[in-house]
Amino acid sequence: MTAFLAFEHTNRPILEAIAAQYGGNSTSDPDHPVEAQERYLWRISGRRARRALLDMWPYLRIKRPQAELILTWFGECALKGKVTSSIDEWSLSMKAQMHALNRKGPEVLQ
C-alpha cells in the first residue's frame, strides 16, 4: 500500500505546471462524460507526494484533514524505515479514515 496525491482539473496547463514542479504528468480523464468539459488528471506517489503536500500545506483548507492523514502515514513509514507500508491493520485503518473523510465533504468552509 502506498499513498498518492491526485488532482483533477479542466485546465490542463495548470496540471502541467504542477507536474513540472513535482513530477508525474497530466493525462485526459477517460471516464468523463462525453457531454462534459474535458477533464485532466495528475497523480504522484511516494516521496514526491509528501514533498508536494508539505509545499501546499499552507494553502489547504478543504482537504487539510486528508493531507494531515497522509503526512501522518508518511511519518509512520519513516519510522519503519520505508516509504510504503505493508498492508497491516494500521494501514487499513488509515485507508478507512481517508475514505470516510472523502465521503463526508466539508462541513463548514472557514
PDB file of N, CA and C in Angstrom:
ATOM      1  N   MET A   1       0.852  -1.166   0.000  1.00  0.00           N
ATOM      2  CA  MET A   1       0.000   0.000   0.000  1.00  0.00           C
ATOM      3  C   MET A   1       0.896   1.226   0.000  1.00  0.00           C
ATOM      4  N   THR A   2       0.549   2.198  -0.824  1.00  0.00           N
ATOM      5  CA  THR A   2       1.291   3.446  -0.855  1.00  0.00           C
ATOM      6  C   THR A   2       0.321   4.611  -0.919  1.00  0.00           C
ATOM      7  N   ALA A   3       0.788   5.762  -0.513  1.00  0.00           N
ATOM      8  CA  ALA A   3      -0.037   6.968  -0.559  1.00  0.00           C
ATOM      9  C   ALA A   3       0.195   7.658  -1.899  1.00  0.00           C
ATOM     10  N   PHE A   4      -0.848   8.275  -2.422  1.00  0.00           N
ATOM     11  CA  PHE A   4      -0.684   9.046  -3.639  1.00  0.00           C
ATOM     12  C   PHE A   4      -1.476  10.334  -3.533  1.00  0.00           C
ATOM     13  N   LEU A   5      -1.109  11.270  -4.366  1.00  0.00           N
ATOM     14  CA  LEU A   5      -1.752  12.577  -4.433  1.00  0.00           C
ATOM     15  C   LEU A   5      -2.255  12.740  -5.853  1.00  0.00           C
ATOM     16  N   ALA A   6      -3.508  13.138  -6.005  1.00  0.00           N
ATOM     17  CA  ALA A   6      -4.081  13.293  -7.344  1.00  0.00           C
ATOM     18  C   ALA A   6      -4.923  14.557  -7.401  1.00  0.00           C
ATOM     19  N   PHE A   7      -4.862  15.228  -8.534  1.00  0.00           N
ATOM     20  CA  PHE A   7      -5.690  16.403  -8.811  1.00  0.00           C
ATOM     21  C   PHE A   7      -6.449  16.146 -10.107  1.00  0.00           C
ATOM     22  N   GLU A   8      -7.632  16.693 -10.153  1.00  0.00           N
ATOM     23  CA  GLU A   8      -8.437  16.665 -11.367  1.00  0.00           C
ATOM     24  C   GLU A   8      -8.814  18.097 -11.676  1.00  0.00           C
ATOM     25  N   HIS A   9      -8.681  18.495 -12.945  1.00  0.00           N
ATOM     26  CA  HIS A   9      -8.971  19.885 -13.310  1.00  0.00           C
ATOM     27  C   HIS A   9      -9.337  19.936 -14.781  1.00  0.00           C
ATOM     28  N   THR A  10     -10.021  20.996 -15.188  1.00  0.00           N
ATOM     29  CA  THR A  10     -10.367  21.170 -16.597  1.00  0.00           C
ATOM     30  C   THR A  10      -9.320  21.995 -17.339  1.00  0.00           C
ATOM     31  N   ASN A  11      -8.396  22.610 -16.614  1.00  0.00           N
ATOM     32  CA  ASN A  11      -7.361  23.430 -17.223  1.00  0.00           C
ATOM     33  C   ASN A  11      -6.038  22.661 -17.219  1.00  0.00           C
ATOM     34  N   ARG A  12      -5.728  22.045 -18.338  1.00  0.00           N
ATOM     35  CA  ARG A  12      -4.528  21.197 -18.410  1.00  0.00           C
ATOM     36  C   ARG A  12      -3.225  21.945 -18.119  1.00  0.00           C
ATOM     37  N   PRO A  13      -3.046  23.204 -18.580  1.00  0.00           N
ATOM     38  CA  PRO A  13      -1.792  23.899 -18.277  1.00  0.00           C
ATOM     39  C   PRO A  13      -1.514  24.035 -16.769  1.00  0.00           C
ATOM     40  N   ILE A  14      -2.547  24.146 -15.965  1.00  0.00           N
ATOM     41  CA  ILE A  14      -2.342  24.197 -14.512  1.00  0.00           C
ATOM     42  C   ILE A  14      -1.724  22.893 -14.033  1.00  0.00           C
ATOM     43  N   LEU A  15      -2.284  21.777 -14.471  1.00  0.00           N
ATOM     44  CA  LEU A  15      -1.754  20.483 -14.054  1.00  0.00           C
ATOM     45  C   LEU A  15      -0.360  20.231 -14.628  1.00  0.00           C
ATOM     46  N   GLU A  16      -0.103  20.720 -15.832  1.00  0.00           N
ATOM     47  CA  GLU A  16       1.233  20.566 -16.404  1.00  0.00           C
ATOM     48  C   GLU A  16       2.265  21.365 -15.614  1.00  0.00           C
ATOM     49  N   ALA A  17       1.881  22.532 -15.105  1.00  0.00           N
ATOM     50  CA  ALA A  17       2.792  23.327 -14.279  1.00  0.00           C
ATOM     51  C   ALA A  17       3.090  22.599 -12.964  1.00  0.00           C
ATOM     52  N   ILE A  18       2.073  21.975 -12.374  1.00  0.00           N
ATOM     53  CA  ILE A  18       2.271  21.199 -11.142  1.00  0.00           C
ATOM     54  C   ILE A  18       3.173  20.001 -11.425  1.00  0.00           C
ATOM     55  N   ALA A  19       2.954  19.350 -12.562  1.00  0.00           N
ATOM     56  CA  ALA A  19       3.787  18.202 -12.935  1.00  0.00           C
ATOM     57  C   ALA A  19       5.238  18.627 -13.147  1.00  0.00           C
ATOM     58  N   ALA A  20       5.451  19.808 -13.725  1.00  0.00           N
ATOM     59  CA  ALA A  20       6.819  20.293 -13.933  1.00  0.00           C
ATOM     60  C   ALA A  20       7.520  20.529 -12.593  1.00  0.00           C
ATOM     61  N   GLN A  21       6.763  20.957 -11.602  1.00  0.00           N
ATOM     62  CA  GLN A  21       7.330  21.241 -10.270  1.00  0.00           C
ATOM     63  C   GLN A  21       7.597  19.964  -9.466  1.00  0.00           C
ATOM     64  N   TYR A  22       6.674  19.000  -9.528  1.00  0.00           N
ATOM     65  CA  TYR A  22       6.736  17.839  -8.622  1.00  0.00           C
ATOM     66  C   TYR A  22       6.912  16.487  -9.311  1.00  0.00           C
ATOM     67  N   GLY A  23       6.848  16.456 -10.624  1.00  0.00           N
ATOM     68  CA  GLY A  23       6.941  15.185 -11.326  1.00  0.00           C
ATOM     69  C   GLY A  23       5.564  14.670 -11.699  1.00  0.00           C
ATOM     70  N   GLY A  24       5.538  13.517 -12.301  1.00  0.00           N
ATOM     71  CA  GLY A  24       4.278  12.966 -12.780  1.00  0.00           C
ATOM     72  C   GLY A  24       3.890  13.646 -14.082  1.00  0.00           C
ATOM     73  N   ASN A  25       2.688  13.402 -14.547  1.00  0.00           N
ATOM     74  CA  ASN A  25       2.213  14.060 -15.757  1.00  0.00           C
ATOM     75  C   ASN A  25       0.707  14.185 -15.708  1.00  0.00           C
ATOM     76  N   SER A  26       0.186  15.012 -16.595  1.00  0.00           N
ATOM     77  CA  SER A  26      -1.268  15.172 -16.668  1.00  0.00           C
ATOM     78  C   SER A  26      -1.776  14.359 -17.844  1.00  0.00           C
ATOM     79  N   THR A  27      -2.893  13.714 -17.633  1.00  0.00           N
ATOM     80  CA  THR A  27      -3.496  12.892 -18.669  1.00  0.00           C
ATOM     81  C   THR A  27      -4.981  13.214 -18.766  1.00  0.00           C
ATOM     82  N   SER A  28      -5.566  12.900 -19.888  1.00  0.00           N
ATOM     83  CA  SER A  28      -7.011  13.061 -20.041  1.00  0.00           C
ATOM     84  C   SER A  28      -7.710  12.034 -19.164  1.00  0.00           C
ATOM     85  N   ASP A  29      -8.829  12.425 -18.592  1.00  0.00           N
ATOM     86  CA  ASP A  29      -9.624  11.508 -17.777  1.00  0.00           C
ATOM     87  C   ASP A  29     -10.506  10.691 -18.721  1.00  0.00           C
ATOM     88  N   PRO A  30     -10.242   9.410 -18.821  1.00  0.00           N
ATOM     89  CA  PRO A  30     -11.013   8.589 -19.760  1.00  0.00           C
ATOM     90  C   PRO A  30     -12.459   8.362 -19.316  1.00  0.00           C
ATOM     91  N   ASP A  31     -12.767   8.668 -18.059  1.00  0.00           N
ATOM     92  CA  ASP A  31     -14.104   8.387 -17.533  1.00  0.00           C
ATOM     93  C   ASP A  31     -15.047   9.589 -17.558  1.00  0.00           C
ATOM     94  N   HIS A  32     -14.604  10.730 -18.095  1.00  0.00           N
ATOM     95  CA  HIS A  32     -15.501  11.890 -18.056  1.00  0.00           C
ATOM     96  C   HIS A  32     -16.627  11.711 -19.077  1.00  0.00           C
ATOM     97  N   PRO A  33     -17.821  12.191 -18.723  1.00  0.00           N
ATOM     98  CA  PRO A  33     -18.959  12.076 -19.642  1.00  0.00           C
ATOM     99  C   PRO A  33     -18.691  12.838 -20.943  1.00  0.00           C
ATOM    100  N   VAL A  34     -19.169  12.324 -22.040  1.00  0.00           N
ATOM    101  CA  VAL A  34     -18.946  12.927 -23.349  1.00  0.00           C
ATOM    102  C   VAL A  34     -19.469  14.356 -23.383  1.00  0.00           C
ATOM    103  N   GLU A  35     -20.611  14.604 -22.755  1.00  0.00           N
ATOM    104  CA  GLU A  35     -21.205  15.939 -22.802  1.00  0.00           C
ATOM    105  C   GLU A  35     -20.525  16.931 -21.869  1.00  0.00           C
ATOM    106  N   ALA A  36     -19.655  16.473 -21.004  1.00  0.00           N
ATOM    107  CA  ALA A  36     -18.976  17.344 -20.042  1.00  0.00           C
ATOM    108  C   ALA A  36     -17.687  17.905 -20.631  1.00  0.00           C
ATOM    109  N   GLN A  37     -17.218  18.997 -20.028  1.00  0.00           N
ATOM    110  CA  GLN A  37     -15.939  19.577 -20.437  1.00  0.00           C
ATOM    111  C   GLN A  37     -14.809  18.578 -20.155  1.00  0.00           C
ATOM    112  N   GLU A  38     -13.826  18.562 -21.018  1.00  0.00           N
ATOM    113  CA  GLU A  38     -12.687  17.652 -20.854  1.00  0.00           C
ATOM    114  C   GLU A  38     -12.037  17.860 -19.485  1.00  0.00           C
ATOM    115  N   ARG A  39     -11.725  16.759 -18.802  1.00  0.00           N
ATOM    116  CA  ARG A  39     -11.042  16.808 -17.506  1.00  0.00           C
ATOM    117  C   ARG A  39      -9.680  16.158 -17.646  1.00  0.00           C
ATOM    118  N   TYR A  40      -8.753  16.645 -16.833  1.00  0.00           N
ATOM    119  CA  TYR A  40      -7.397  16.111 -16.840  1.00  0.00           C
ATOM    120  C   TYR A  40      -7.019  15.690 -15.427  1.00  0.00           C
ATOM    121  N   LEU A  41      -6.178  14.685 -15.347  1.00  0.00           N
ATOM    122  CA  LEU A  41      -5.751  14.144 -14.058  1.00  0.00           C
ATOM    123  C   LEU A  41      -4.240  14.267 -13.922  1.00  0.00           C
ATOM    124  N   TRP A  42      -3.783  14.513 -12.706  1.00  0.00           N
ATOM    125  CA  TRP A  42      -2.366  14.492 -12.368  1.00  0.00           C
ATOM    126  C   TRP A  42      -2.235  13.662 -11.107  1.00  0.00           C
ATOM    127  N   ARG A  43      -1.218  12.801 -11.056  1.00  0.00           N
ATOM    128  CA  ARG A  43      -1.062  11.911  -9.909  1.00  0.00           C
ATOM    129  C   ARG A  43       0.411  11.615  -9.662  1.00  0.00           C
ATOM    130  N   ILE A  44       0.798  11.627  -8.381  1.00  0.00           N
ATOM    131  CA  ILE A  44       2.135  11.211  -7.968  1.00  0.00           C
ATOM    132  C   ILE A  44       2.002  10.421  -6.670  1.00  0.00           C
ATOM    133  N   SER A  45       3.070   9.725  -6.316  1.00  0.00           N
ATOM    134  CA  SER A  45       3.045   8.950  -5.082  1.00  0.00           C
ATOM    135  C   SER A  45       4.417   9.002  -4.422  1.00  0.00           C
ATOM    136  N   GLY A  46       4.492   8.399  -3.257  1.00  0.00           N
ATOM    137  CA  GLY A  46       5.752   8.282  -2.550  1.00  0.00           C
ATOM    138  C   GLY A  46       6.299   9.606  -2.061  1.00  0.00           C
ATOM    139  N   ARG A  47       7.612   9.721  -2.076  1.00  0.00           N
ATOM    140  CA  ARG A  47       8.293  10.906  -1.543  1.00  0.00           C
ATOM    141  C   ARG A  47       7.892  12.187  -2.272  1.00  0.00           C
ATOM    142  N   ARG A  48       7.632  12.075  -3.569  1.00  0.00           N
ATOM    143  CA  ARG A  48       7.214  13.272  -4.316  1.00  0.00           C
ATOM    144  C   ARG A  48       5.861  13.780  -3.815  1.00  0.00           C
ATOM    145  N   ALA A  49       4.957  12.862  -3.488  1.00  0.00           N
ATOM    146  CA  ALA A  49       3.645  13.265  -2.963  1.00  0.00           C
ATOM    147  C   ALA A  49       3.813  13.957  -1.613  1.00  0.00           C
ATOM    148  N   ARG A  50       4.697  13.433  -0.772  1.00  0.00           N
ATOM    149  CA  ARG A  50       4.939  14.047   0.540  1.00  0.00           C
ATOM    150  C   ARG A  50       5.482  15.463   0.364  1.00  0.00           C
ATOM    151  N   ARG A  51       6.462  15.631  -0.517  1.00  0.00           N
ATOM    152  CA  ARG A  51       7.038  16.958  -0.749  1.00  0.00           C
ATOM    153  C   ARG A  51       5.977  17.936  -1.248  1.00  0.00           C
ATOM    154  N   ALA A  52       5.146  17.499  -2.190  1.00  0.00           N
ATOM    155  CA  ALA A  52       4.094  18.361  -2.726  1.00  0.00           C
ATOM    156  C   ALA A  52       3.110  18.752  -1.627  1.00  0.00           C
ATOM    157  N   LEU A  53       2.717  17.803  -0.796  1.00  0.00           N
ATOM    158  CA  LEU A  53       1.782  18.113   0.298  1.00  0.00           C
ATOM    159  C   LEU A  53       2.377  19.113   1.275  1.00  0.00           C
ATOM    160  N   LEU A  54       3.644  18.944   1.606  1.00  0.00           N
ATOM    161  CA  LEU A  54       4.285  19.890   2.530  1.00  0.00           C
ATOM    162  C   LEU A  54       4.341  21.295   1.925  1.00  0.00           C
ATOM    163  N   ASP A  55       4.627  21.378   0.635  1.00  0.00           N
ATOM    164  CA  ASP A  55       4.652  22.687  -0.029  1.00  0.00           C
ATOM    165  C   ASP A  55       3.265  23.319  -0.095  1.00  0.00           C
ATOM    166  N   MET A  56       2.246  22.504  -0.281  1.00  0.00           N
ATOM    167  CA  MET A  56       0.874  23.009  -0.429  1.00  0.00           C
ATOM    168  C   MET A  56       0.164  23.214   0.907  1.00  0.00           C
ATOM    169  N   TRP A  57       0.719  22.693   1.971  1.00  0.00           N
ATOM    170  CA  TRP A  57       0.078  22.709   3.290  1.00  0.00           C
ATOM    171  C   TRP A  57      -0.512  24.068   3.672  1.00  0.00           C
ATOM    172  N   PRO A  58       0.232  25.180   3.539  1.00  0.00           N
ATOM    173  CA  PRO A  58      -0.330  26.473   3.973  1.00  0.00           C
ATOM    174  C   PRO A  58      -1.579  26.897   3.211  1.00  0.00           C
ATOM    175  N   TYR A  59      -1.790  26.332   2.042  1.00  0.00           N
ATOM    176  CA  TYR A  59      -2.906  26.739   1.180  1.00  0.00           C
ATOM    177  C   TYR A  59      -4.110  25.800   1.257  1.00  0.00           C
ATOM    178  N   LEU A  60      -3.956  24.700   1.937  1.00  0.00           N
ATOM    179  CA  LEU A  60      -5.046  23.721   2.008  1.00  0.00           C
ATOM    180  C   LEU A  60      -6.086  24.156   3.025  1.00  0.00           C
ATOM    181  N   ARG A  61      -7.333  24.081   2.640  1.00  0.00           N
ATOM    182  CA  ARG A  61      -8.430  24.382   3.556  1.00  0.00           C
ATOM    183  C   ARG A  61      -9.389  23.195   3.626  1.00  0.00           C
ATOM    184  N   ILE A  62      -9.975  22.857   2.516  1.00  0.00           N
ATOM    185  CA  ILE A  62     -10.981  21.803   2.496  1.00  0.00           C
ATOM    186  C   ILE A  62     -10.341  20.421   2.642  1.00  0.00           C
ATOM    187  N   LYS A  63      -9.241  20.188   1.992  1.00  0.00           N
ATOM    188  CA  LYS A  63      -8.596  18.868   2.007  1.00  0.00           C
ATOM    189  C   LYS A  63      -7.498  18.744   3.071  1.00  0.00           C
ATOM    190  N   ARG A  64      -7.401  19.696   3.978  1.00  0.00           N
ATOM    191  CA  ARG A  64      -6.359  19.644   5.003  1.00  0.00           C
ATOM    192  C   ARG A  64      -6.433  18.379   5.862  1.00  0.00           C
ATOM    193  N   PRO A  65      -7.630  17.924   6.290  1.00  0.00           N
ATOM    194  CA  PRO A  65      -7.668  16.681   7.083  1.00  0.00           C
ATOM    195  C   PRO A  65      -7.105  15.478   6.324  1.00  0.00           C
ATOM    196  N   GLN A  66      -7.376  15.396   5.022  1.00  0.00           N
ATOM    197  CA  GLN A  66      -6.835  14.302   4.230  1.00  0.00           C
ATOM    198  C   GLN A  66      -5.309  14.419   4.129  1.00  0.00           C
ATOM    199  N   ALA A  67      -4.825  15.633   3.923  1.00  0.00           N
ATOM    200  CA  ALA A  67      -3.379  15.846   3.838  1.00  0.00           C
ATOM    201  C   ALA A  67      -2.710  15.496   5.164  1.00  0.00           C
ATOM    202  N   GLU A  68      -3.319  15.876   6.267  1.00  0.00           N
ATOM    203  CA  GLU A  68      -2.760  15.559   7.578  1.00  0.00           C
ATOM    204  C   GLU A  68      -2.682  14.045   7.787  1.00  0.00           C
ATOM    205  N   LEU A  69      -3.699  13.343   7.368  1.00  0.00           N
ATOM    206  CA  LEU A  69      -3.709  11.889   7.497  1.00  0.00           C
ATOM    207  C   LEU A  69      -2.578  11.256   6.665  1.00  0.00           C
ATOM    208  N   ILE A  70      -2.401  11.729   5.437  1.00  0.00           N
ATOM    209  CA  ILE A  70      -1.340  11.194   4.580  1.00  0.00           C
ATOM    210  C   ILE A  70       0.033  11.520   5.164  1.00  0.00           C
ATOM    211  N   LEU A  71       0.214  12.738   5.676  1.00  0.00           N
ATOM    212  CA  LEU A  71       1.508  13.094   6.265  1.00  0.00           C
ATOM    213  C   LEU A  71       1.781  12.259   7.521  1.00  0.00           C
ATOM    214  N   THR A  72       0.739  11.938   8.274  1.00  0.00           N
ATOM    215  CA  THR A  72       0.898  11.039   9.423  1.00  0.00           C
ATOM    216  C   THR A  72       1.344   9.662   8.934  1.00  0.00           C
ATOM    217  N   TRP A  73       0.738   9.191   7.865  1.00  0.00           N
ATOM    218  CA  TRP A  73       1.095   7.895   7.288  1.00  0.00           C
ATOM    219  C   TRP A  73       2.559   7.886   6.853  1.00  0.00           C
ATOM    220  N   PHE A  74       2.983   8.975   6.168  1.00  0.00           N
ATOM    221  CA  PHE A  74       4.385   9.068   5.757  1.00  0.00           C
ATOM    222  C   PHE A  74       5.306   9.062   6.975  1.00  0.00           C
ATOM    223  N   GLY A  75       4.919   9.753   8.039  1.00  0.00           N
ATOM    224  CA  GLY A  75       5.729   9.773   9.252  1.00  0.00           C
ATOM    225  C   GLY A  75       5.886   8.392   9.848  1.00  0.00           C
ATOM    226  N   GLU A  76       4.832   7.621   9.879  1.00  0.00           N
ATOM    227  CA  GLU A  76       4.895   6.258  10.407  1.00  0.00           C
ATOM    228  C   GLU A  76       5.789   5.391   9.526  1.00  0.00           C
ATOM    229  N   CYS A  77       5.681   5.564   8.218  1.00  0.00           N
ATOM    230  CA  CYS A  77       6.524   4.788   7.308  1.00  0.00           C
ATOM    231  C   CYS A  77       7.992   5.148   7.500  1.00  0.00           C
ATOM    232  N   ALA A  78       8.284   6.431   7.767  1.00  0.00           N
ATOM    233  CA  ALA A  78       9.664   6.846   8.003  1.00  0.00           C
ATOM    234  C   ALA A  78      10.208   6.177   9.261  1.00  0.00           C
ATOM    235  N   LEU A  79       9.363   6.030  10.270  1.00  0.00           N
ATOM    236  CA  LEU A  79       9.792   5.354  11.492  1.00  0.00           C
ATOM    237  C   LEU A  79      10.127   3.890  11.216  1.00  0.00           C
ATOM    238  N   LYS A  80       9.415   3.307  10.256  1.00  0.00           N
ATOM    239  CA  LYS A  80       9.665   1.909   9.900  1.00  0.00           C
ATOM    240  C   LYS A  80      10.813   1.791   8.907  1.00  0.00           C
ATOM    241  N   GLY A  81      11.330   2.949   8.442  1.00  0.00           N
ATOM    242  CA  GLY A  81      12.456   2.936   7.524  1.00  0.00           C
ATOM    243  C   GLY A  81      12.091   2.675   6.082  1.00  0.00           C
ATOM    244  N   LYS A  82      10.859   2.987   5.708  1.00  0.00           N
ATOM    245  CA  LYS A  82      10.441   2.788   4.327  1.00  0.00           C
ATOM    246  C   LYS A  82       9.338   3.777   3.996  1.00  0.00           C
ATOM    247  N   VAL A  83       9.121   3.990   2.706  1.00  0.00           N
ATOM    248  CA  VAL A  83       8.090   4.924   2.266  1.00  0.00           C
ATOM    249  C   VAL A  83       6.742   4.240   2.188  1.00  0.00           C
ATOM    250  N   THR A  84       6.711   2.989   1.856  1.00  0.00           N
ATOM    251  CA  THR A  84       5.448   2.273   1.794  1.00  0.00           C
ATOM    252  C   THR A  84       5.360   1.313   2.974  1.00  0.00           C
ATOM    253  N   SER A  85       4.154   0.978   3.328  1.00  0.00           N
ATOM    254  CA  SER A  85       3.920   0.099   4.466  1.00  0.00           C
ATOM    255  C   SER A  85       3.245  -1.174   3.979  1.00  0.00           C
ATOM    256  N   SER A  86       3.521  -2.264   4.655  1.00  0.00           N
ATOM    257  CA  SER A  86       2.797  -3.482   4.329  1.00  0.00           C
ATOM    258  C   SER A  86       1.335  -3.282   4.697  1.00  0.00           C
ATOM    259  N   ILE A  87       0.474  -4.052   4.080  1.00  0.00           N
ATOM    260  CA  ILE A  87      -0.943  -3.932   4.392  1.00  0.00           C
ATOM    261  C   ILE A  87      -1.176  -4.604   5.736  1.00  0.00           C
ATOM    262  N   ASP A  88      -1.184  -3.789   6.755  1.00  0.00           N
ATOM    263  CA  ASP A  88      -1.423  -4.282   8.099  1.00  0.00           C
ATOM    264  C   ASP A  88      -2.668  -3.592   8.647  1.00  0.00           C
ATOM    265  N   GLU A  89      -3.001  -3.889   9.858  1.00  0.00           N
ATOM    266  CA  GLU A  89      -4.209  -3.327  10.461  1.00  0.00           C
ATOM    267  C   GLU A  89      -4.157  -1.798  10.495  1.00  0.00           C
ATOM    268  N   TRP A  90      -2.988  -1.259  10.815  1.00  0.00           N
ATOM    269  CA  TRP A  90      -2.847   0.198  10.898  1.00  0.00           C
ATOM    270  C   TRP A  90      -3.063   0.842   9.526  1.00  0.00           C
ATOM    271  N   SER A  91      -2.461   0.280   8.482  1.00  0.00           N
ATOM    272  CA  SER A  91      -2.618   0.823   7.134  1.00  0.00           C
ATOM    273  C   SER A  91      -4.070   0.750   6.676  1.00  0.00           C
ATOM    274  N   LEU A  92      -4.728  -0.348   6.975  1.00  0.00           N
ATOM    275  CA  LEU A  92      -6.140  -0.478   6.603  1.00  0.00           C
ATOM    276  C   LEU A  92      -7.003   0.520   7.357  1.00  0.00           C
ATOM    277  N   SER A  93      -6.651   0.789   8.603  1.00  0.00           N
ATOM    278  CA  SER A  93      -7.376   1.791   9.388  1.00  0.00           C
ATOM    279  C   SER A  93      -7.203   3.178   8.772  1.00  0.00           C
ATOM    280  N   MET A  94      -5.984   3.514   8.361  1.00  0.00           N
ATOM    281  CA  MET A  94      -5.722   4.810   7.724  1.00  0.00           C
ATOM    282  C   MET A  94      -6.521   4.925   6.423  1.00  0.00           C
ATOM    283  N   LYS A  95      -6.567   3.844   5.662  1.00  0.00           N
ATOM    284  CA  LYS A  95      -7.320   3.846   4.404  1.00  0.00           C
ATOM    285  C   LYS A  95      -8.805   4.072   4.673  1.00  0.00           C
ATOM    286  N   ALA A  96      -9.344   3.427   5.696  1.00  0.00           N
ATOM    287  CA  ALA A  96     -10.756   3.602   6.052  1.00  0.00           C
ATOM    288  C   ALA A  96     -11.031   5.045   6.484  1.00  0.00           C
ATOM    289  N   GLN A  97     -10.107   5.630   7.238  1.00  0.00           N
ATOM    290  CA  GLN A  97     -10.267   7.028   7.664  1.00  0.00           C
ATOM    291  C   GLN A  97     -10.280   7.965   6.451  1.00  0.00           C
ATOM    292  N   MET A  98      -9.402   7.710   5.479  1.00  0.00           N
ATOM    293  CA  MET A  98      -9.345   8.545   4.286  1.00  0.00           C
ATOM    294  C   MET A  98     -10.647   8.433   3.496  1.00  0.00           C
ATOM    295  N   HIS A  99     -11.164   7.235   3.357  1.00  0.00           N
ATOM    296  CA  HIS A  99     -12.440   7.052   2.644  1.00  0.00           C
ATOM    297  C   HIS A  99     -13.556   7.811   3.350  1.00  0.00           C
ATOM    298  N   ALA A 100     -13.563   7.774   4.673  1.00  0.00           N
ATOM    299  CA  ALA A 100     -14.593   8.489   5.439  1.00  0.00           C
ATOM    300  C   ALA A 100     -14.464   9.998   5.236  1.00  0.00           C
ATOM    301  N   LEU A 101     -13.251  10.520   5.249  1.00  0.00           N
ATOM    302  CA  LEU A 101     -13.045  11.955   5.030  1.00  0.00           C
ATOM    303  C   LEU A 101     -13.485  12.371   3.634  1.00  0.00           C
ATOM    304  N   ASN A 102     -13.156  11.573   2.647  1.00  0.00           N
ATOM    305  CA  ASN A 102     -13.527  11.916   1.276  1.00  0.00           C
ATOM    306  C   ASN A 102     -15.026  11.813   1.044  1.00  0.00           C
ATOM    307  N   ARG A 103     -15.679  10.927   1.746  1.00  0.00           N
ATOM    308  CA  ARG A 103     -17.120  10.760   1.605  1.00  0.00           C
ATOM    309  C   ARG A 103     -17.870  11.892   2.287  1.00  0.00           C
ATOM    310  N   LYS A 104     -17.346  12.362   3.398  1.00  0.00           N
ATOM    311  CA  LYS A 104     -18.028  13.339   4.235  1.00  0.00           C
ATOM    312  C   LYS A 104     -18.123  14.712   3.589  1.00  0.00           C
ATOM    313  N   GLY A 105     -17.058  15.227   3.041  1.00  0.00           N
ATOM    314  CA  GLY A 105     -17.037  16.574   2.485  1.00  0.00           C
ATOM    315  C   GLY A 105     -16.930  17.612   3.588  1.00  0.00           C
ATOM    316  N   PRO A 106     -16.725  18.872   3.200  1.00  0.00           N
ATOM    317  CA  PRO A 106     -16.551  19.924   4.210  1.00  0.00           C
ATOM    318  C   PRO A 106     -17.863  20.245   4.903  1.00  0.00           C
ATOM    319  N   GLU A 107     -17.808  20.352   6.218  1.00  0.00           N
ATOM    320  CA  GLU A 107     -18.999  20.773   6.958  1.00  0.00           C
ATOM    321  C   GLU A 107     -19.163  22.284   6.871  1.00  0.00           C
ATOM    322  N   VAL A 108     -18.052  22.966   7.122  1.00  0.00           N
ATOM    323  CA  VAL A 108     -18.066  24.422   7.093  1.00  0.00           C
ATOM    324  C   VAL A 108     -16.765  24.891   6.480  1.00  0.00           C
ATOM    325  N   LEU A 109     -16.857  25.797   5.532  1.00  0.00           N
ATOM    326  CA  LEU A 109     -15.664  26.374   4.941  1.00  0.00           C
ATOM    327  C   LEU A 109     -15.268  27.556   5.801  1.00  0.00           C
ATOM    328  N   GLN A 110     -14.140  27.437   6.480  1.00  0.00           N
ATOM    329  CA  GLN A 110     -13.701  28.509   7.396  1.00  0.00           C
ATOM    330  C   GLN A 110     -12.669  29.381   6.750  1.00  0.00           C
TER     331      GLN A 110
END
